[in-house]
Amino acid sequence: MEIEMGRPPVPTHLKRDKRLVVMLTDRENEILAEAAKAAGAASLSDWVRELLLEAAANGRQLSVR
């Protein structure tokens, strides 16, 4: 009897292996983390990804300031 360990593999079409590096100050990171938490996001990365993909899909231009 073979015991499987760990998580099952992520399907190829859902695998995330690309990175986007954004340089932030400590305060900018805090602001984004607080916003992600307030939105109920699982993580800052998930929140930022969803926000950016939504903006791209809608053709919106985001203004930081």
PDB file of N, CA and C in Angstrom:
ATOM      1  N   MET A   1       0.842  -1.176   0.000  1.00  0.00           N
ATOM      2  CA  MET A   1       0.000   0.000   0.000  1.00  0.00           C
ATOM      3  C   MET A   1       0.887   1.241   0.000  1.00  0.00           C
ATOM      4  N   GLU A   2       0.682   2.088  -1.008  1.00  0.00           N
ATOM      5  CA  GLU A   2       1.500   3.287  -1.153  1.00  0.00           C
ATOM      6  C   GLU A   2       0.764   4.487  -0.573  1.00  0.00           C
ATOM      7  N   ILE A   3       1.439   5.254   0.268  1.00  0.00           N
ATOM      8  CA  ILE A   3       0.849   6.433   0.885  1.00  0.00           C
ATOM      9  C   ILE A   3       1.329   7.674   0.134  1.00  0.00           C
ATOM     10  N   GLU A   4       0.372   8.480  -0.352  1.00  0.00           N
ATOM     11  CA  GLU A   4       0.719   9.715  -1.048  1.00  0.00           C
ATOM     12  C   GLU A   4       0.956  10.804  -0.013  1.00  0.00           C
ATOM     13  N   MET A   5       1.982  11.593  -0.254  1.00  0.00           N
ATOM     14  CA  MET A   5       2.304  12.668   0.670  1.00  0.00           C
ATOM     15  C   MET A   5       2.333  13.997  -0.076  1.00  0.00           C
ATOM     16  N   GLY A   6       2.039  15.060   0.630  1.00  0.00           N
ATOM     17  CA  GLY A   6       2.094  16.394   0.045  1.00  0.00           C
ATOM     18  C   GLY A   6       0.843  16.734  -0.739  1.00  0.00           C
ATOM     19  N   ARG A   7       0.896  17.909  -1.335  1.00  0.00           N
ATOM     20  CA  ARG A   7      -0.237  18.372  -2.129  1.00  0.00           C
ATOM     21  C   ARG A   7      -0.226  17.724  -3.503  1.00  0.00           C
ATOM     22  N   PRO A   8      -1.403  17.567  -4.093  1.00  0.00           N
ATOM     23  CA  PRO A   8      -1.428  17.071  -5.472  1.00  0.00           C
ATOM     24  C   PRO A   8      -0.839  18.137  -6.403  1.00  0.00           C
ATOM     25  N   PRO A   9      -0.309  17.731  -7.548  1.00  0.00           N
ATOM     26  CA  PRO A   9       0.278  18.699  -8.471  1.00  0.00           C
ATOM     27  C   PRO A   9      -0.765  19.694  -8.988  1.00  0.00           C
ATOM     28  N   VAL A  10      -0.321  20.928  -9.226  1.00  0.00           N
ATOM     29  CA  VAL A  10      -1.197  21.958  -9.788  1.00  0.00           C
ATOM     30  C   VAL A  10      -1.345  21.671 -11.280  1.00  0.00           C
ATOM     31  N   PRO A  11      -2.584  21.724 -11.803  1.00  0.00           N
ATOM     32  CA  PRO A  11      -2.762  21.523 -13.244  1.00  0.00           C
ATOM     33  C   PRO A  11      -1.921  22.536 -14.033  1.00  0.00           C
ATOM     34  N   THR A  12      -1.390  22.108 -15.152  1.00  0.00           N
ATOM     35  CA  THR A  12      -0.491  22.933 -15.959  1.00  0.00           C
ATOM     36  C   THR A  12      -1.091  24.294 -16.285  1.00  0.00           C
ATOM     37  N   HIS A  13      -2.369  24.350 -16.618  1.00  0.00           N
ATOM     38  CA  HIS A  13      -2.983  25.622 -17.015  1.00  0.00           C
ATOM     39  C   HIS A  13      -3.162  26.581 -15.834  1.00  0.00           C
ATOM     40  N   LEU A  14      -3.008  26.110 -14.606  1.00  0.00           N
ATOM     41  CA  LEU A  14      -3.130  26.966 -13.427  1.00  0.00           C
ATOM     42  C   LEU A  14      -1.782  27.275 -12.768  1.00  0.00           C
ATOM     43  N   LYS A  15      -0.718  26.688 -13.292  1.00  0.00           N
ATOM     44  CA  LYS A  15       0.595  26.853 -12.696  1.00  0.00           C
ATOM     45  C   LYS A  15       1.109  28.281 -12.916  1.00  0.00           C
ATOM     46  N   ARG A  16       1.549  28.892 -11.832  1.00  0.00           N
ATOM     47  CA  ARG A  16       2.095  30.246 -11.892  1.00  0.00           C
ATOM     48  C   ARG A  16       3.600  30.156 -11.695  1.00  0.00           C
ATOM     49  N   ASP A  17       4.341  30.455 -12.752  1.00  0.00           N
ATOM     50  CA  ASP A  17       5.793  30.370 -12.640  1.00  0.00           C
ATOM     51  C   ASP A  17       6.494  31.638 -13.122  1.00  0.00           C
ATOM     52  N   LYS A  18       5.738  32.681 -13.349  1.00  0.00           N
ATOM     53  CA  LYS A  18       6.309  33.972 -13.755  1.00  0.00           C
ATOM     54  C   LYS A  18       6.229  34.930 -12.565  1.00  0.00           C
ATOM     55  N   ARG A  19       7.205  35.824 -12.483  1.00  0.00           N
ATOM     56  CA  ARG A  19       7.248  36.789 -11.394  1.00  0.00           C
ATOM     57  C   ARG A  19       7.270  38.203 -11.955  1.00  0.00           C
ATOM     58  N   LEU A  20       6.624  39.093 -11.239  1.00  0.00           N
ATOM     59  CA  LEU A  20       6.659  40.516 -11.537  1.00  0.00           C
ATOM     60  C   LEU A  20       7.186  41.183 -10.278  1.00  0.00           C
ATOM     61  N   VAL A  21       8.351  41.772 -10.369  1.00  0.00           N
ATOM     62  CA  VAL A  21       8.965  42.405  -9.202  1.00  0.00           C
ATOM     63  C   VAL A  21       8.608  43.888  -9.211  1.00  0.00           C
ATOM     64  N   VAL A  22       8.059  44.340  -8.108  1.00  0.00           N
ATOM     65  CA  VAL A  22       7.702  45.746  -7.945  1.00  0.00           C
ATOM     66  C   VAL A  22       8.400  46.249  -6.691  1.00  0.00           C
ATOM     67  N   MET A  23       9.218  47.247  -6.848  1.00  0.00           N
ATOM     68  CA  MET A  23       9.946  47.803  -5.711  1.00  0.00           C
ATOM     69  C   MET A  23       9.027  48.758  -4.942  1.00  0.00           C
ATOM     70  N   LEU A  24       8.948  48.555  -3.626  1.00  0.00           N
ATOM     71  CA  LEU A  24       8.084  49.354  -2.766  1.00  0.00           C
ATOM     72  C   LEU A  24       8.855  49.838  -1.552  1.00  0.00           C
ATOM     73  N   THR A  25       8.397  50.934  -0.996  1.00  0.00           N
ATOM     74  CA  THR A  25       8.917  51.348   0.303  1.00  0.00           C
ATOM     75  C   THR A  25       8.218  50.507   1.360  1.00  0.00           C
ATOM     76  N   ASP A  26       8.725  50.539   2.577  1.00  0.00           N
ATOM     77  CA  ASP A  26       8.064  49.822   3.665  1.00  0.00           C
ATOM     78  C   ASP A  26       6.630  50.301   3.830  1.00  0.00           C
ATOM     79  N   ARG A  27       6.433  51.616   3.757  1.00  0.00           N
ATOM     80  CA  ARG A  27       5.090  52.173   3.948  1.00  0.00           C
ATOM     81  C   ARG A  27       4.150  51.768   2.814  1.00  0.00           C
ATOM     82  N   GLU A  28       4.624  51.777   1.591  1.00  0.00           N
ATOM     83  CA  GLU A  28       3.789  51.343   0.470  1.00  0.00           C
ATOM     84  C   GLU A  28       3.361  49.893   0.648  1.00  0.00           C
ATOM     85  N   ASN A  29       4.282  49.055   1.079  1.00  0.00           N
ATOM     86  CA  ASN A  29       3.967  47.650   1.312  1.00  0.00           C
ATOM     87  C   ASN A  29       2.918  47.502   2.414  1.00  0.00           C
ATOM     88  N   GLU A  30       3.059  48.288   3.481  1.00  0.00           N
ATOM     89  CA  GLU A  30       2.080  48.267   4.578  1.00  0.00           C
ATOM     90  C   GLU A  30       0.696  48.685   4.094  1.00  0.00           C
ATOM     91  N   ILE A  31       0.655  49.740   3.289  1.00  0.00           N
ATOM     92  CA  ILE A  31      -0.623  50.235   2.756  1.00  0.00           C
ATOM     93  C   ILE A  31      -1.305  49.154   1.922  1.00  0.00           C
ATOM     94  N   LEU A  32      -0.544  48.501   1.049  1.00  0.00           N
ATOM     95  CA  LEU A  32      -1.115  47.452   0.206  1.00  0.00           C
ATOM     96  C   LEU A  32      -1.544  46.239   1.030  1.00  0.00           C
ATOM     97  N   ALA A  33      -0.736  45.859   2.000  1.00  0.00           N
ATOM     98  CA  ALA A  33      -1.079  44.716   2.852  1.00  0.00           C
ATOM     99  C   ALA A  33      -2.356  44.989   3.633  1.00  0.00           C
ATOM    100  N   GLU A  34      -2.502  46.211   4.146  1.00  0.00           N
ATOM    101  CA  GLU A  34      -3.714  46.575   4.882  1.00  0.00           C
ATOM    102  C   GLU A  34      -4.941  46.546   3.970  1.00  0.00           C
ATOM    103  N   ALA A  35      -4.784  47.036   2.748  1.00  0.00           N
ATOM    104  CA  ALA A  35      -5.896  47.031   1.794  1.00  0.00           C
ATOM    105  C   ALA A  35      -6.292  45.603   1.419  1.00  0.00           C
ATOM    106  N   ALA A  36      -5.306  44.743   1.220  1.00  0.00           N
ATOM    107  CA  ALA A  36      -5.586  43.345   0.880  1.00  0.00           C
ATOM    108  C   ALA A  36      -6.323  42.658   2.022  1.00  0.00           C
ATOM    109  N   LYS A  37      -5.882  42.925   3.249  1.00  0.00           N
ATOM    110  CA  LYS A  37      -6.531  42.331   4.421  1.00  0.00           C
ATOM    111  C   LYS A  37      -7.971  42.828   4.548  1.00  0.00           C
ATOM    112  N   ALA A  38      -8.166  44.131   4.359  1.00  0.00           N
ATOM    113  CA  ALA A  38      -9.513  44.719   4.447  1.00  0.00           C
ATOM    114  C   ALA A  38     -10.435  44.141   3.376  1.00  0.00           C
ATOM    115  N   ALA A  39      -9.872  43.783   2.232  1.00  0.00           N
ATOM    116  CA  ALA A  39     -10.661  43.214   1.136  1.00  0.00           C
ATOM    117  C   ALA A  39     -10.927  41.729   1.343  1.00  0.00           C
ATOM    118  N   GLY A  40     -10.311  41.137   2.376  1.00  0.00           N
ATOM    119  CA  GLY A  40     -10.525  39.724   2.655  1.00  0.00           C
ATOM    120  C   GLY A  40      -9.713  38.793   1.769  1.00  0.00           C
ATOM    121  N   ALA A  41      -8.655  39.320   1.165  1.00  0.00           N
ATOM    122  CA  ALA A  41      -7.824  38.503   0.277  1.00  0.00           C
ATOM    123  C   ALA A  41      -7.021  37.483   1.075  1.00  0.00           C
ATOM    124  N   ALA A  42      -6.759  36.352   0.456  1.00  0.00           N
ATOM    125  CA  ALA A  42      -5.961  35.303   1.096  1.00  0.00           C
ATOM    126  C   ALA A  42      -4.520  35.752   1.298  1.00  0.00           C
ATOM    127  N   SER A  43      -4.030  36.591   0.392  1.00  0.00           N
ATOM    128  CA  SER A  43      -2.664  37.095   0.495  1.00  0.00           C
ATOM    129  C   SER A  43      -2.551  38.404  -0.269  1.00  0.00           C
ATOM    130  N   LEU A  44      -1.501  39.139   0.018  1.00  0.00           N
ATOM    131  CA  LEU A  44      -1.241  40.376  -0.717  1.00  0.00           C
ATOM    132  C   LEU A  44      -1.037  40.068  -2.196  1.00  0.00           C
ATOM    133  N   SER A  45      -0.301  39.017  -2.484  1.00  0.00           N
ATOM    134  CA  SER A  45      -0.045  38.630  -3.863  1.00  0.00           C
ATOM    135  C   SER A  45      -1.348  38.337  -4.617  1.00  0.00           C
ATOM    136  N   ASP A  46      -2.248  37.586  -3.986  1.00  0.00           N
ATOM    137  CA  ASP A  46      -3.538  37.281  -4.622  1.00  0.00           C
ATOM    138  C   ASP A  46      -4.327  38.559  -4.898  1.00  0.00           C
ATOM    139  N   TRP A  47      -4.336  39.466  -3.914  1.00  0.00           N
ATOM    140  CA  TRP A  47      -5.104  40.708  -4.048  1.00  0.00           C
ATOM    141  C   TRP A  47      -4.546  41.566  -5.176  1.00  0.00           C
ATOM    142  N   VAL A  48      -3.230  41.738  -5.215  1.00  0.00           N
ATOM    143  CA  VAL A  48      -2.600  42.550  -6.254  1.00  0.00           C
ATOM    144  C   VAL A  48      -2.836  41.922  -7.620  1.00  0.00           C
ATOM    145  N   ARG A  49      -2.670  40.596  -7.737  1.00  0.00           N
ATOM    146  CA  ARG A  49      -2.881  39.906  -9.012  1.00  0.00           C
ATOM    147  C   ARG A  49      -4.294  40.143  -9.525  1.00  0.00           C
ATOM    148  N   GLU A  50      -5.280  39.934  -8.671  1.00  0.00           N
ATOM    149  CA  GLU A  50      -6.674  40.104  -9.090  1.00  0.00           C
ATOM    150  C   GLU A  50      -6.975  41.546  -9.485  1.00  0.00           C
ATOM    151  N   LEU A  51      -6.464  42.492  -8.713  1.00  0.00           N
ATOM    152  CA  LEU A  51      -6.685  43.905  -9.008  1.00  0.00           C
ATOM    153  C   LEU A  51      -6.078  44.288 -10.355  1.00  0.00           C
ATOM    154  N   LEU A  52      -4.855  43.857 -10.603  1.00  0.00           N
ATOM    155  CA  LEU A  52      -4.197  44.191 -11.858  1.00  0.00           C
ATOM    156  C   LEU A  52      -4.843  43.502 -13.053  1.00  0.00           C
ATOM    157  N   LEU A  53      -5.221  42.245 -12.897  1.00  0.00           N
ATOM    158  CA  LEU A  53      -5.883  41.544 -14.009  1.00  0.00           C
ATOM    159  C   LEU A  53      -7.239  42.165 -14.322  1.00  0.00           C
ATOM    160  N   GLU A  54      -7.962  42.562 -13.287  1.00  0.00           N
ATOM    161  CA  GLU A  54      -9.258  43.228 -13.494  1.00  0.00           C
ATOM    162  C   GLU A  54      -9.065  44.560 -14.218  1.00  0.00           C
ATOM    163  N   ALA A  55      -8.071  45.326 -13.791  1.00  0.00           N
ATOM    164  CA  ALA A  55      -7.798  46.610 -14.436  1.00  0.00           C
ATOM    165  C   ALA A  55      -7.397  46.413 -15.894  1.00  0.00           C
ATOM    166  N   ALA A  56      -6.576  45.417 -16.160  1.00  0.00           N
ATOM    167  CA  ALA A  56      -6.148  45.145 -17.531  1.00  0.00           C
ATOM    168  C   ALA A  56      -7.336  44.714 -18.392  1.00  0.00           C
ATOM    169  N   ALA A  57      -8.203  43.886 -17.844  1.00  0.00           N
ATOM    170  CA  ALA A  57      -9.364  43.409 -18.595  1.00  0.00           C
ATOM    171  C   ALA A  57     -10.335  44.540 -18.911  1.00  0.00           C
ATOM    172  N   ASN A  58     -10.407  45.514 -18.014  1.00  0.00           N
ATOM    173  CA  ASN A  58     -11.326  46.638 -18.207  1.00  0.00           C
ATOM    174  C   ASN A  58     -10.682  47.798 -18.945  1.00  0.00           C
ATOM    175  N   GLY A  59      -9.403  47.666 -19.242  1.00  0.00           N
ATOM    176  CA  GLY A  59      -8.707  48.723 -19.954  1.00  0.00           C
ATOM    177  C   GLY A  59      -8.519  49.982 -19.131  1.00  0.00           C
ATOM    178  N   ARG A  60      -8.601  49.845 -17.819  1.00  0.00           N
ATOM    179  CA  ARG A  60      -8.461  51.017 -16.941  1.00  0.00           C
ATOM    180  C   ARG A  60      -7.005  51.355 -16.748  1.00  0.00           C
ATOM    181  N   GLN A  61      -6.783  52.615 -16.483  1.00  0.00           N
ATOM    182  CA  GLN A  61      -5.448  53.061 -16.079  1.00  0.00           C
ATOM    183  C   GLN A  61      -5.532  53.358 -14.597  1.00  0.00           C
ATOM    184  N   LEU A  62      -4.631  52.754 -13.828  1.00  0.00           N
ATOM    185  CA  LEU A  62      -4.621  52.962 -12.389  1.00  0.00           C
ATOM    186  C   LEU A  62      -3.789  54.179 -12.035  1.00  0.00           C
ATOM    187  N   SER A  63      -4.262  54.948 -11.097  1.00  0.00           N
ATOM    188  CA  SER A  63      -3.507  56.082 -10.590  1.00  0.00           C
ATOM    189  C   SER A  63      -3.165  55.822  -9.142  1.00  0.00           C
ATOM    190  N   VAL A  64      -1.882  55.802  -8.836  1.00  0.00           N
ATOM    191  CA  VAL A  64      -1.436  55.498  -7.472  1.00  0.00           C
ATOM    192  C   VAL A  64      -1.661  56.693  -6.557  1.00  0.00           C
ATOM    193  N   ARG A  65      -1.487  57.857  -7.059  1.00  0.00           N
ATOM    194  CA  ARG A  65      -1.591  59.051  -6.216  1.00  0.00           C
ATOM    195  C   ARG A  65      -2.722  59.936  -6.645  1.00  0.00           C
TER     196      ARG A  65
END
